[in-house]
Amino acid sequence: MGVELAYTDAVARATDDLYAKVANFIPKAEWLIHAPVIAEINRLKREKNAVVLAHNYMTPEIFHCVGDFVGDSLALAREAARTDASVIVQAGVHFMAETSKILSPDKTVLIPSMAAGCSLASSITGADVRLLKAKYPGLPVVTYVNTSAEVKAESDICCTSGNAVAVVETIARDFGVDTVIMIPDKYLARNVAAQTGVKVITWEGACEVHERFTAQEIRDYRAAHPGIVVLAHPECPPEVVAEADFAGSTAAMIGYVGTHKPQRVVMITECSMSDNVAVENPQTEFIRPCNLCPHMKRITLDGILHALRTMTHEVVVDAAIAARAKAPIDRMLAVKV
């Protein structure tokens, strides 16, 4: 798709300001291939009244050059709910596109690759949740947004890594319980339990990116880079979080760097995020662990262009499931963080 588009003077004028932003991360030779695709995507967005929701794990040419709204899954969910666009292109994984469709049922939601899944989302089904509820009657079910619409529909409230602590405390108080079912990420659940004092019944799910990090790796980073600040995602194992200086969602990590401006930092999460944050924080040196999410990387510029040209792949959620799934999402969005 990209080869049929030429790098012309018009493309240069339309994209030079974007390249100035990402020049330290994208070689010029690579940019000459990306720029015509970026210019055409941005033209088609205007033509079709479309927006691109780009997750923090997208590569810089997507995140900074075609993303209209960028952020973690909570921020993108909020944008999906309030955008006036007719078309939403989800530059993220499939559960995010489902969430956008649930929150914006009258809009066309596209995902560039149907193969952009999630190890957490695939680890649990609606039937599994029903079995958990039968085993632990009366306990509220807190479901991470990294799940299918079918799983959300069986839940009392959803959460993201950014609001999980507040959500668990809120639902435990509302239900008058000291224990909740928290699915499907066992590490997020354990890390939240350690912060809240609320007991959690977990599921054996894990993020295939974050579960690979180890406490020894963190110690090795500190030995190799004295004074480094370690930021960890709460999907990491608890022993990794314990070694970190700060643990939080991708949005919280970005906020930490922007506020504290550390001289040197390592983000214990998907590796594209370091490039995206470094663009806005040139004062900080980023040491980059490179655990890639294979699912996020299935979203490409050419894929986004194809999605807009052909209006594929449209994400559709069964109306009955969507109605049931929307309630726990709305309940999450109402929680003050």
C-alpha atoms as a PDB file:
ATOM      1  CA  MET A   1       0.000   0.000   0.000  1.00  0.00           C
ATOM      2  CA  GLY A   2       2.747   2.445   0.899  1.00  0.00           C
ATOM      3  CA  VAL A   3       4.758   1.909  -2.298  1.00  0.00           C
ATOM      4  CA  GLU A   4       2.082   3.388  -4.557  1.00  0.00           C
ATOM      5  CA  LEU A   5       2.307   6.715  -2.739  1.00  0.00           C
ATOM      6  CA  ALA A   6       5.200   8.986  -3.633  1.00  0.00           C
ATOM      7  CA  TYR A   7       7.111  11.404  -1.449  1.00  0.00           C
ATOM      8  CA  THR A   8       6.277  14.665  -3.202  1.00  0.00           C
ATOM      9  CA  ASP A   9       6.662  18.344  -2.356  1.00  0.00           C
ATOM     10  CA  ALA A  10       3.018  18.352  -1.285  1.00  0.00           C
ATOM     11  CA  VAL A  11       3.617  15.400   1.045  1.00  0.00           C
ATOM     12  CA  ALA A  12       6.682  17.146   2.467  1.00  0.00           C
ATOM     13  CA  ARG A  13       4.668  20.287   3.205  1.00  0.00           C
ATOM     14  CA  ALA A  14       1.940  18.234   4.874  1.00  0.00           C
ATOM     15  CA  THR A  15       4.302  16.202   7.055  1.00  0.00           C
ATOM     16  CA  ASP A  16       7.485  18.203   7.715  1.00  0.00           C
ATOM     17  CA  ASP A  17       6.175  19.471  11.052  1.00  0.00           C
ATOM     18  CA  LEU A  18       5.368  15.916  12.096  1.00  0.00           C
ATOM     19  CA  TYR A  19       8.815  14.676  11.162  1.00  0.00           C
ATOM     20  CA  ALA A  20      10.419  17.420  13.232  1.00  0.00           C
ATOM     21  CA  LYS A  21       8.742  15.852  16.233  1.00  0.00           C
ATOM     22  CA  VAL A  22       9.894  12.271  15.613  1.00  0.00           C
ATOM     23  CA  ALA A  23      13.166  12.797  13.739  1.00  0.00           C
ATOM     24  CA  ASN A  24      15.231  11.401  16.613  1.00  0.00           C
ATOM     25  CA  PHE A  25      13.318   8.129  16.461  1.00  0.00           C
ATOM     26  CA  ILE A  26      12.645   7.556  12.750  1.00  0.00           C
ATOM     27  CA  PRO A  27      15.541   7.612  10.247  1.00  0.00           C
ATOM     28  CA  LYS A  28      15.078   9.895   7.247  1.00  0.00           C
ATOM     29  CA  ALA A  29      15.143   6.984   4.799  1.00  0.00           C
ATOM     30  CA  GLU A  30      12.315   5.329   6.724  1.00  0.00           C
ATOM     31  CA  TRP A  31      10.408   8.594   6.930  1.00  0.00           C
ATOM     32  CA  LEU A  32      10.376   8.929   3.122  1.00  0.00           C
ATOM     33  CA  ILE A  33       8.308   5.722   3.097  1.00  0.00           C
ATOM     34  CA  HIS A  34       6.080   6.660   6.036  1.00  0.00           C
ATOM     35  CA  ALA A  35       5.321  10.273   5.082  1.00  0.00           C
ATOM     36  CA  PRO A  36       3.131   9.640   1.992  1.00  0.00           C
ATOM     37  CA  VAL A  37       1.074   7.103   3.959  1.00  0.00           C
ATOM     38  CA  ILE A  38       0.714   9.506   6.887  1.00  0.00           C
ATOM     39  CA  ALA A  39      -0.384  12.335   4.562  1.00  0.00           C
ATOM     40  CA  GLU A  40      -2.991  10.093   2.917  1.00  0.00           C
ATOM     41  CA  ILE A  41      -4.324   8.813   6.256  1.00  0.00           C
ATOM     42  CA  ASN A  42      -4.718  12.354   7.548  1.00  0.00           C
ATOM     43  CA  ARG A  43      -6.466  13.380   4.302  1.00  0.00           C
ATOM     44  CA  LEU A  44      -8.873  10.448   4.524  1.00  0.00           C
ATOM     45  CA  LYS A  45      -9.645  11.245   8.159  1.00  0.00           C
ATOM     46  CA  ARG A  46     -10.824  14.696   7.124  1.00  0.00           C
ATOM     47  CA  GLU A  47     -12.794  13.310   4.182  1.00  0.00           C
ATOM     48  CA  LYS A  48     -14.553  10.621   6.205  1.00  0.00           C
ATOM     49  CA  ASN A  49     -14.910  12.469   9.531  1.00  0.00           C
ATOM     50  CA  ALA A  50     -12.750   9.833  11.179  1.00  0.00           C
ATOM     51  CA  VAL A  51     -10.452   9.817  14.174  1.00  0.00           C
ATOM     52  CA  VAL A  52      -7.635   7.479  15.135  1.00  0.00           C
ATOM     53  CA  LEU A  53      -7.465   6.405  18.784  1.00  0.00           C
ATOM     54  CA  ALA A  54      -3.811   5.466  19.364  1.00  0.00           C
ATOM     55  CA  HIS A  55      -2.713   3.520  22.415  1.00  0.00           C
ATOM     56  CA  ASN A  56       0.546   4.339  24.186  1.00  0.00           C
ATOM     57  CA  TYR A  57       2.076   1.138  22.784  1.00  0.00           C
ATOM     58  CA  MET A  58       1.791   2.234  19.168  1.00  0.00           C
ATOM     59  CA  THR A  59       4.996   3.035  17.287  1.00  0.00           C
ATOM     60  CA  PRO A  60       5.930   6.748  17.029  1.00  0.00           C
ATOM     61  CA  GLU A  61       4.835   7.182  13.407  1.00  0.00           C
ATOM     62  CA  ILE A  62       1.318   6.131  14.447  1.00  0.00           C
ATOM     63  CA  PHE A  63       1.214   7.661  17.923  1.00  0.00           C
ATOM     64  CA  HIS A  64       2.572  11.095  17.018  1.00  0.00           C
ATOM     65  CA  CYS A  65       1.678  11.414  13.338  1.00  0.00           C
ATOM     66  CA  VAL A  66      -1.847  10.010  12.805  1.00  0.00           C
ATOM     67  CA  GLY A  67      -3.253   9.581  16.327  1.00  0.00           C
ATOM     68  CA  ASP A  68      -5.968  12.147  17.064  1.00  0.00           C
ATOM     69  CA  PHE A  69      -6.384  10.952  20.630  1.00  0.00           C
ATOM     70  CA  VAL A  70      -3.590   9.109  22.387  1.00  0.00           C
ATOM     71  CA  GLY A  71      -3.286   7.515  25.789  1.00  0.00           C
ATOM     72  CA  ASP A  72      -3.971   4.451  27.885  1.00  0.00           C
ATOM     73  CA  SER A  73      -7.096   2.329  27.617  1.00  0.00           C
ATOM     74  CA  LEU A  74      -9.008   4.512  30.104  1.00  0.00           C
ATOM     75  CA  ALA A  75      -8.258   7.728  28.222  1.00  0.00           C
ATOM     76  CA  LEU A  76      -9.185   6.145  24.884  1.00  0.00           C
ATOM     77  CA  ALA A  77     -12.430   4.780  26.330  1.00  0.00           C
ATOM     78  CA  ARG A  78     -13.370   8.286  27.465  1.00  0.00           C
ATOM     79  CA  GLU A  79     -12.546   9.727  24.036  1.00  0.00           C
ATOM     80  CA  ALA A  80     -14.574   7.028  22.290  1.00  0.00           C
ATOM     81  CA  ALA A  81     -17.565   7.956  24.426  1.00  0.00           C
ATOM     82  CA  ARG A  82     -17.461  11.667  23.588  1.00  0.00           C
ATOM     83  CA  THR A  83     -16.027  12.023  20.080  1.00  0.00           C
ATOM     84  CA  ASP A  84     -18.227  13.597  17.414  1.00  0.00           C
ATOM     85  CA  ALA A  85     -16.485  11.681  14.634  1.00  0.00           C
ATOM     86  CA  SER A  86     -18.494   9.318  12.441  1.00  0.00           C
ATOM     87  CA  VAL A  87     -15.700   6.764  12.218  1.00  0.00           C
ATOM     88  CA  ILE A  88     -13.299   5.521  14.907  1.00  0.00           C
ATOM     89  CA  VAL A  89     -10.146   3.689  13.858  1.00  0.00           C
ATOM     90  CA  GLN A  90      -8.756   1.818  16.851  1.00  0.00           C
ATOM     91  CA  ALA A  91      -4.967   1.798  16.796  1.00  0.00           C
ATOM     92  CA  GLY A  92      -4.840  -0.751  19.560  1.00  0.00           C
ATOM     93  CA  VAL A  93      -6.100  -4.269  20.176  1.00  0.00           C
ATOM     94  CA  HIS A  94      -9.491  -5.851  19.634  1.00  0.00           C
ATOM     95  CA  PHE A  95     -10.960  -5.459  23.128  1.00  0.00           C
ATOM     96  CA  MET A  96     -10.328  -1.698  22.855  1.00  0.00           C
ATOM     97  CA  ALA A  97     -12.275  -1.558  19.596  1.00  0.00           C
ATOM     98  CA  GLU A  98     -15.127  -3.480  21.219  1.00  0.00           C
ATOM     99  CA  THR A  99     -15.153  -0.989  24.087  1.00  0.00           C
ATOM    100  CA  SER A 100     -15.290   1.910  21.631  1.00  0.00           C
ATOM    101  CA  LYS A 101     -18.231   0.290  19.848  1.00  0.00           C
ATOM    102  CA  ILE A 102     -20.076  -0.339  23.120  1.00  0.00           C
ATOM    103  CA  LEU A 103     -19.635   3.311  24.125  1.00  0.00           C
ATOM    104  CA  SER A 104     -20.393   4.655  20.632  1.00  0.00           C
ATOM    105  CA  PRO A 105     -22.910   2.225  19.126  1.00  0.00           C
ATOM    106  CA  ASP A 106     -23.968   4.647  16.367  1.00  0.00           C
ATOM    107  CA  LYS A 107     -20.416   5.120  15.101  1.00  0.00           C
ATOM    108  CA  THR A 108     -18.483   2.912  12.709  1.00  0.00           C
ATOM    109  CA  VAL A 109     -15.555   1.364  14.605  1.00  0.00           C
ATOM    110  CA  LEU A 110     -12.702  -0.116  12.575  1.00  0.00           C
ATOM    111  CA  ILE A 111      -9.683  -2.143  13.607  1.00  0.00           C
ATOM    112  CA  PRO A 112      -6.868  -2.446  11.057  1.00  0.00           C
ATOM    113  CA  SER A 113      -6.066  -6.059  11.997  1.00  0.00           C
ATOM    114  CA  MET A 114      -8.452  -8.644  13.379  1.00  0.00           C
ATOM    115  CA  ALA A 115      -5.369 -10.537  14.612  1.00  0.00           C
ATOM    116  CA  ALA A 116      -4.596  -7.768  17.130  1.00  0.00           C
ATOM    117  CA  GLY A 117      -5.700  -9.696  20.187  1.00  0.00           C
ATOM    118  CA  CYS A 118      -4.555  -9.883  23.808  1.00  0.00           C
ATOM    119  CA  SER A 119      -3.282 -12.714  25.991  1.00  0.00           C
ATOM    120  CA  LEU A 120      -5.414 -11.447  28.865  1.00  0.00           C
ATOM    121  CA  ALA A 121      -8.587 -11.214  26.806  1.00  0.00           C
ATOM    122  CA  SER A 122      -8.109 -14.718  25.454  1.00  0.00           C
ATOM    123  CA  SER A 123      -7.496 -16.192  28.917  1.00  0.00           C
ATOM    124  CA  ILE A 124     -11.125 -16.037  30.099  1.00  0.00           C
ATOM    125  CA  THR A 125     -14.656 -16.438  28.737  1.00  0.00           C
ATOM    126  CA  GLY A 126     -18.107 -15.424  29.839  1.00  0.00           C
ATOM    127  CA  ALA A 127     -18.752 -19.024  30.904  1.00  0.00           C
ATOM    128  CA  ASP A 128     -15.683 -18.893  33.132  1.00  0.00           C
ATOM    129  CA  VAL A 129     -17.037 -15.791  34.861  1.00  0.00           C
ATOM    130  CA  ARG A 130     -20.398 -17.425  35.431  1.00  0.00           C
ATOM    131  CA  LEU A 131     -18.660 -20.366  37.089  1.00  0.00           C
ATOM    132  CA  LEU A 132     -16.703 -17.987  39.341  1.00  0.00           C
ATOM    133  CA  LYS A 133     -19.892 -16.201  40.367  1.00  0.00           C
ATOM    134  CA  ALA A 134     -21.548 -19.520  41.179  1.00  0.00           C
ATOM    135  CA  LYS A 135     -18.556 -20.548  43.281  1.00  0.00           C
ATOM    136  CA  TYR A 136     -18.404 -17.211  45.153  1.00  0.00           C
ATOM    137  CA  PRO A 137     -22.020 -15.982  45.329  1.00  0.00           C
ATOM    138  CA  GLY A 138     -22.569 -12.399  46.402  1.00  0.00           C
ATOM    139  CA  LEU A 139     -19.051 -11.172  45.602  1.00  0.00           C
ATOM    140  CA  PRO A 140     -18.739  -8.384  43.037  1.00  0.00           C
ATOM    141  CA  VAL A 141     -16.795  -9.055  39.863  1.00  0.00           C
ATOM    142  CA  VAL A 142     -14.193  -6.450  38.893  1.00  0.00           C
ATOM    143  CA  THR A 143     -13.111  -6.991  35.316  1.00  0.00           C
ATOM    144  CA  TYR A 144     -10.068  -5.482  33.674  1.00  0.00           C
ATOM    145  CA  VAL A 145     -10.874  -3.751  30.392  1.00  0.00           C
ATOM    146  CA  ASN A 146      -8.435  -6.136  28.700  1.00  0.00           C
ATOM    147  CA  THR A 147     -11.316  -8.570  28.169  1.00  0.00           C
ATOM    148  CA  SER A 148     -13.977  -9.369  25.606  1.00  0.00           C
ATOM    149  CA  ALA A 149     -17.413  -7.761  25.609  1.00  0.00           C
ATOM    150  CA  GLU A 150     -18.837 -11.156  26.605  1.00  0.00           C
ATOM    151  CA  VAL A 151     -16.738 -11.150  29.779  1.00  0.00           C
ATOM    152  CA  LYS A 152     -17.559  -7.528  30.589  1.00  0.00           C
ATOM    153  CA  ALA A 153     -21.247  -8.373  30.255  1.00  0.00           C
ATOM    154  CA  GLU A 154     -20.920 -10.821  33.187  1.00  0.00           C
ATOM    155  CA  SER A 155     -19.261  -8.208  35.421  1.00  0.00           C
ATOM    156  CA  ASP A 156     -20.310  -5.654  38.010  1.00  0.00           C
ATOM    157  CA  ILE A 157     -17.685  -3.051  37.145  1.00  0.00           C
ATOM    158  CA  CYS A 158     -14.693  -2.676  34.860  1.00  0.00           C
ATOM    159  CA  CYS A 159     -11.311  -1.172  35.637  1.00  0.00           C
ATOM    160  CA  THR A 160      -8.081  -0.156  33.961  1.00  0.00           C
ATOM    161  CA  SER A 161      -4.604  -0.206  35.435  1.00  0.00           C
ATOM    162  CA  GLY A 162      -5.043   3.532  35.979  1.00  0.00           C
ATOM    163  CA  ASN A 163      -8.143   3.321  38.151  1.00  0.00           C
ATOM    164  CA  ALA A 164      -8.053  -0.242  39.505  1.00  0.00           C
ATOM    165  CA  VAL A 165      -7.335   0.785  43.105  1.00  0.00           C
ATOM    166  CA  ALA A 166     -10.166   3.317  43.164  1.00  0.00           C
ATOM    167  CA  VAL A 167     -12.557   0.893  41.454  1.00  0.00           C
ATOM    168  CA  VAL A 168     -11.843  -1.967  43.885  1.00  0.00           C
ATOM    169  CA  GLU A 169     -12.223   0.298  46.915  1.00  0.00           C
ATOM    170  CA  THR A 170     -15.467   1.740  45.506  1.00  0.00           C
ATOM    171  CA  ILE A 171     -17.111  -1.574  44.651  1.00  0.00           C
ATOM    172  CA  ALA A 172     -16.081  -3.198  47.932  1.00  0.00           C
ATOM    173  CA  ARG A 173     -17.657  -0.293  49.809  1.00  0.00           C
ATOM    174  CA  ASP A 174     -20.793  -0.285  47.652  1.00  0.00           C
ATOM    175  CA  PHE A 175     -21.312  -4.031  48.122  1.00  0.00           C
ATOM    176  CA  GLY A 176     -20.293  -3.969  51.792  1.00  0.00           C
ATOM    177  CA  VAL A 177     -17.671  -6.696  51.323  1.00  0.00           C
ATOM    178  CA  ASP A 178     -13.977  -7.127  52.062  1.00  0.00           C
ATOM    179  CA  THR A 179     -13.356  -9.508  49.141  1.00  0.00           C
ATOM    180  CA  VAL A 180     -13.888  -9.110  45.393  1.00  0.00           C
ATOM    181  CA  ILE A 181     -13.412 -11.291  42.341  1.00  0.00           C
ATOM    182  CA  MET A 182     -10.838  -9.535  40.134  1.00  0.00           C
ATOM    183  CA  ILE A 183     -10.205 -10.904  36.658  1.00  0.00           C
ATOM    184  CA  PRO A 184      -8.329 -11.855  34.573  1.00  0.00           C
ATOM    185  CA  ASP A 185      -4.847 -10.484  35.416  1.00  0.00           C
ATOM    186  CA  LYS A 186      -3.512 -12.230  38.512  1.00  0.00           C
ATOM    187  CA  TYR A 187      -0.617  -9.806  38.899  1.00  0.00           C
ATOM    188  CA  LEU A 188      -2.717  -6.648  38.639  1.00  0.00           C
ATOM    189  CA  ALA A 189      -5.135  -8.171  41.173  1.00  0.00           C
ATOM    190  CA  ARG A 190      -2.356  -8.979  43.640  1.00  0.00           C
ATOM    191  CA  ASN A 191      -0.765  -5.552  43.255  1.00  0.00           C
ATOM    192  CA  VAL A 192      -4.118  -3.848  43.824  1.00  0.00           C
ATOM    193  CA  ALA A 193      -4.833  -6.006  46.873  1.00  0.00           C
ATOM    194  CA  ALA A 194      -1.500  -4.959  48.371  1.00  0.00           C
ATOM    195  CA  GLN A 195      -2.500  -1.293  48.024  1.00  0.00           C
ATOM    196  CA  THR A 196      -6.104  -1.504  49.178  1.00  0.00           C
ATOM    197  CA  GLY A 197      -6.353  -4.170  51.847  1.00  0.00           C
ATOM    198  CA  VAL A 198      -9.304  -5.620  49.927  1.00  0.00           C
ATOM    199  CA  LYS A 199      -8.923  -9.355  49.423  1.00  0.00           C
ATOM    200  CA  VAL A 200      -9.057 -10.568  45.831  1.00  0.00           C
ATOM    201  CA  ILE A 201     -10.000 -13.839  44.220  1.00  0.00           C
ATOM    202  CA  THR A 202      -7.909 -13.992  41.075  1.00  0.00           C
ATOM    203  CA  TRP A 203      -7.872 -15.709  37.716  1.00  0.00           C
ATOM    204  CA  GLU A 204      -4.733 -17.257  36.186  1.00  0.00           C
ATOM    205  CA  GLY A 205      -4.373 -14.678  33.428  1.00  0.00           C
ATOM    206  CA  ALA A 206      -1.309 -12.581  32.680  1.00  0.00           C
ATOM    207  CA  CYS A 207      -0.006 -10.145  30.075  1.00  0.00           C
ATOM    208  CA  GLU A 208       2.558 -11.930  27.915  1.00  0.00           C
ATOM    209  CA  VAL A 209       4.670  -8.749  27.803  1.00  0.00           C
ATOM    210  CA  HIS A 210       4.719  -7.793  31.477  1.00  0.00           C
ATOM    211  CA  GLU A 211       4.979 -11.273  32.981  1.00  0.00           C
ATOM    212  CA  ARG A 212       8.389 -11.714  31.323  1.00  0.00           C
ATOM    213  CA  PHE A 213      10.026  -9.028  33.469  1.00  0.00           C
ATOM    214  CA  THR A 214      11.870 -10.233  36.570  1.00  0.00           C
ATOM    215  CA  ALA A 215      13.095  -8.651  39.792  1.00  0.00           C
ATOM    216  CA  GLN A 216      16.655  -9.593  38.839  1.00  0.00           C
ATOM    217  CA  GLU A 217      16.344  -7.557  35.639  1.00  0.00           C
ATOM    218  CA  ILE A 218      15.455  -4.509  37.708  1.00  0.00           C
ATOM    219  CA  ARG A 219      18.465  -5.038  39.930  1.00  0.00           C
ATOM    220  CA  ASP A 220      20.631  -5.433  36.833  1.00  0.00           C
ATOM    221  CA  TYR A 221      19.362  -2.133  35.432  1.00  0.00           C
ATOM    222  CA  ARG A 222      20.258  -0.389  38.679  1.00  0.00           C
ATOM    223  CA  ALA A 223      23.741  -1.925  38.687  1.00  0.00           C
ATOM    224  CA  ALA A 224      24.391  -0.951  35.070  1.00  0.00           C
ATOM    225  CA  HIS A 225      22.884   2.547  35.360  1.00  0.00           C
ATOM    226  CA  PRO A 226      23.423   4.013  38.861  1.00  0.00           C
ATOM    227  CA  GLY A 227      20.725   6.474  39.860  1.00  0.00           C
ATOM    228  CA  ILE A 228      18.206   5.204  37.319  1.00  0.00           C
ATOM    229  CA  VAL A 229      14.517   5.637  38.158  1.00  0.00           C
ATOM    230  CA  VAL A 230      12.473   2.484  37.591  1.00  0.00           C
ATOM    231  CA  LEU A 231       8.805   2.785  36.606  1.00  0.00           C
ATOM    232  CA  ALA A 232       6.791  -0.445  36.445  1.00  0.00           C
ATOM    233  CA  HIS A 233       3.374  -1.304  35.096  1.00  0.00           C
ATOM    234  CA  PRO A 234       1.066  -3.044  37.614  1.00  0.00           C
ATOM    235  CA  GLU A 235       0.588  -5.954  35.193  1.00  0.00           C
ATOM    236  CA  CYS A 236       4.141  -6.941  36.201  1.00  0.00           C
ATOM    237  CA  PRO A 237       4.630  -9.605  38.889  1.00  0.00           C
ATOM    238  CA  PRO A 238       4.515  -8.190  42.463  1.00  0.00           C
ATOM    239  CA  GLU A 239       8.215  -8.865  43.019  1.00  0.00           C
ATOM    240  CA  VAL A 240       8.988  -6.625  40.021  1.00  0.00           C
ATOM    241  CA  VAL A 241       6.693  -3.875  41.300  1.00  0.00           C
ATOM    242  CA  ALA A 242       8.417  -4.140  44.697  1.00  0.00           C
ATOM    243  CA  GLU A 243      11.768  -3.368  43.059  1.00  0.00           C
ATOM    244  CA  ALA A 244      10.449  -0.280  41.252  1.00  0.00           C
ATOM    245  CA  ASP A 245      10.503   3.348  42.386  1.00  0.00           C
ATOM    246  CA  PHE A 246       6.992   3.881  41.062  1.00  0.00           C
ATOM    247  CA  ALA A 247       4.246   1.633  39.722  1.00  0.00           C
ATOM    248  CA  GLY A 248       1.304   2.849  37.688  1.00  0.00           C
ATOM    249  CA  SER A 249      -0.586   2.767  34.438  1.00  0.00           C
ATOM    250  CA  THR A 250       1.008   3.966  31.231  1.00  0.00           C
ATOM    251  CA  ALA A 251      -0.658   7.351  31.761  1.00  0.00           C
ATOM    252  CA  ALA A 252       0.680   7.508  35.328  1.00  0.00           C
ATOM    253  CA  MET A 253       4.194   6.693  34.126  1.00  0.00           C
ATOM    254  CA  ILE A 254       3.999   9.467  31.548  1.00  0.00           C
ATOM    255  CA  GLY A 255       2.806  11.842  34.240  1.00  0.00           C
ATOM    256  CA  TYR A 256       5.677  10.821  36.530  1.00  0.00           C
ATOM    257  CA  VAL A 257       8.307  11.575  33.887  1.00  0.00           C
ATOM    258  CA  GLY A 258       6.707  14.891  33.001  1.00  0.00           C
ATOM    259  CA  THR A 259       6.431  15.985  36.632  1.00  0.00           C
ATOM    260  CA  HIS A 260       9.640  14.622  38.151  1.00  0.00           C
ATOM    261  CA  LYS A 261      11.858  14.923  35.054  1.00  0.00           C
ATOM    262  CA  PRO A 262      14.297  12.191  36.089  1.00  0.00           C
ATOM    263  CA  GLN A 263      17.742  12.311  34.530  1.00  0.00           C
ATOM    264  CA  ARG A 264      17.548   8.630  33.546  1.00  0.00           C
ATOM    265  CA  VAL A 265      14.563   6.291  33.571  1.00  0.00           C
ATOM    266  CA  VAL A 266      13.527   2.799  32.568  1.00  0.00           C
ATOM    267  CA  MET A 267       9.878   1.974  31.888  1.00  0.00           C
ATOM    268  CA  ILE A 268       9.079  -1.641  32.659  1.00  0.00           C
ATOM    269  CA  THR A 269       6.391  -2.054  30.028  1.00  0.00           C
ATOM    270  CA  GLU A 270       5.980  -2.457  26.255  1.00  0.00           C
ATOM    271  CA  CYS A 271       8.995  -0.927  24.579  1.00  0.00           C
ATOM    272  CA  SER A 272       7.394   1.447  22.041  1.00  0.00           C
ATOM    273  CA  MET A 273       6.102   3.540  24.913  1.00  0.00           C
ATOM    274  CA  SER A 274       9.602   4.760  25.784  1.00  0.00           C
ATOM    275  CA  ASP A 275      10.011   6.258  22.317  1.00  0.00           C
ATOM    276  CA  ASN A 276       6.626   8.002  22.529  1.00  0.00           C
ATOM    277  CA  VAL A 277       7.335   9.485  25.949  1.00  0.00           C
ATOM    278  CA  ALA A 278      10.894  10.472  25.012  1.00  0.00           C
ATOM    279  CA  VAL A 279       9.568  12.684  22.218  1.00  0.00           C
ATOM    280  CA  GLU A 280       7.950  14.936  24.823  1.00  0.00           C
ATOM    281  CA  ASN A 281      10.730  14.650  27.420  1.00  0.00           C
ATOM    282  CA  PRO A 282      14.109  15.328  25.794  1.00  0.00           C
ATOM    283  CA  GLN A 283      15.651  16.133  29.197  1.00  0.00           C
ATOM    284  CA  THR A 284      15.415  12.488  30.247  1.00  0.00           C
ATOM    285  CA  GLU A 285      17.544   9.578  29.050  1.00  0.00           C
ATOM    286  CA  PHE A 286      15.435   6.474  28.475  1.00  0.00           C
ATOM    287  CA  ILE A 287      16.966   3.043  28.964  1.00  0.00           C
ATOM    288  CA  ARG A 288      14.850   0.776  26.805  1.00  0.00           C
ATOM    289  CA  PRO A 289      13.957  -2.785  27.691  1.00  0.00           C
ATOM    290  CA  CYS A 290      12.450  -4.261  24.554  1.00  0.00           C
ATOM    291  CA  ASN A 291       9.558  -6.541  25.330  1.00  0.00           C
ATOM    292  CA  LEU A 292       7.289  -6.073  22.319  1.00  0.00           C
ATOM    293  CA  CYS A 293       3.572  -6.816  22.283  1.00  0.00           C
ATOM    294  CA  PRO A 294       3.082  -8.903  19.131  1.00  0.00           C
ATOM    295  CA  HIS A 295      -0.593  -7.970  19.028  1.00  0.00           C
ATOM    296  CA  MET A 296      -0.089  -4.203  19.206  1.00  0.00           C
ATOM    297  CA  LYS A 297       2.549  -4.463  16.497  1.00  0.00           C
ATOM    298  CA  ARG A 298      -0.026  -5.878  14.090  1.00  0.00           C
ATOM    299  CA  ILE A 299      -1.355  -2.331  13.823  1.00  0.00           C
ATOM    300  CA  THR A 300       0.648  -0.549  11.132  1.00  0.00           C
ATOM    301  CA  LEU A 301       0.408   2.640   9.084  1.00  0.00           C
ATOM    302  CA  ASP A 302      -0.443   0.611   5.974  1.00  0.00           C
ATOM    303  CA  GLY A 303      -3.112  -1.222   7.945  1.00  0.00           C
ATOM    304  CA  ILE A 304      -4.684   2.039   9.119  1.00  0.00           C
ATOM    305  CA  LEU A 305      -4.659   3.366   5.559  1.00  0.00           C
ATOM    306  CA  HIS A 306      -6.301   0.191   4.263  1.00  0.00           C
ATOM    307  CA  ALA A 307      -8.922   0.374   7.017  1.00  0.00           C
ATOM    308  CA  LEU A 308      -9.881   3.914   6.026  1.00  0.00           C
ATOM    309  CA  ARG A 309      -9.857   3.211   2.313  1.00  0.00           C
ATOM    310  CA  THR A 310     -11.990   0.075   2.533  1.00  0.00           C
ATOM    311  CA  MET A 311     -13.842   0.724   5.805  1.00  0.00           C
ATOM    312  CA  THR A 312     -12.610  -2.585   7.232  1.00  0.00           C
ATOM    313  CA  HIS A 313     -12.521  -4.364   9.568  1.00  0.00           C
ATOM    314  CA  GLU A 314     -15.727  -3.135  11.146  1.00  0.00           C
ATOM    315  CA  VAL A 315     -16.175  -4.181  14.771  1.00  0.00           C
ATOM    316  CA  VAL A 316     -19.686  -5.295  15.663  1.00  0.00           C
ATOM    317  CA  VAL A 317     -20.883  -6.274  19.147  1.00  0.00           C
ATOM    318  CA  ASP A 318     -24.126  -8.175  19.690  1.00  0.00           C
ATOM    319  CA  ALA A 319     -26.693  -5.664  20.922  1.00  0.00           C
ATOM    320  CA  ALA A 320     -27.745  -7.696  23.963  1.00  0.00           C
ATOM    321  CA  ILE A 321     -24.130  -8.267  25.052  1.00  0.00           C
ATOM    322  CA  ALA A 322     -23.270  -4.626  24.381  1.00  0.00           C
ATOM    323  CA  ALA A 323     -26.126  -3.414  26.571  1.00  0.00           C
ATOM    324  CA  ARG A 324     -25.008  -5.609  29.468  1.00  0.00           C
ATOM    325  CA  ALA A 325     -21.333  -4.746  28.985  1.00  0.00           C
ATOM    326  CA  LYS A 326     -21.989  -1.011  28.897  1.00  0.00           C
ATOM    327  CA  ALA A 327     -23.261  -0.914  32.477  1.00  0.00           C
ATOM    328  CA  PRO A 328     -19.963  -2.003  34.111  1.00  0.00           C
ATOM    329  CA  ILE A 329     -18.003   0.264  31.756  1.00  0.00           C
ATOM    330  CA  ASP A 330     -20.217   3.234  32.655  1.00  0.00           C
ATOM    331  CA  ARG A 331     -19.854   2.365  36.322  1.00  0.00           C
ATOM    332  CA  MET A 332     -16.069   2.441  35.883  1.00  0.00           C
ATOM    333  CA  LEU A 333     -16.141   5.787  34.082  1.00  0.00           C
ATOM    334  CA  ALA A 334     -18.144   7.263  36.965  1.00  0.00           C
ATOM    335  CA  VAL A 335     -15.466   6.399  39.544  1.00  0.00           C
ATOM    336  CA  LYS A 336     -13.396   9.396  40.598  1.00  0.00           C
ATOM    337  CA  VAL A 337      -9.650   8.766  40.390  1.00  0.00           C
END
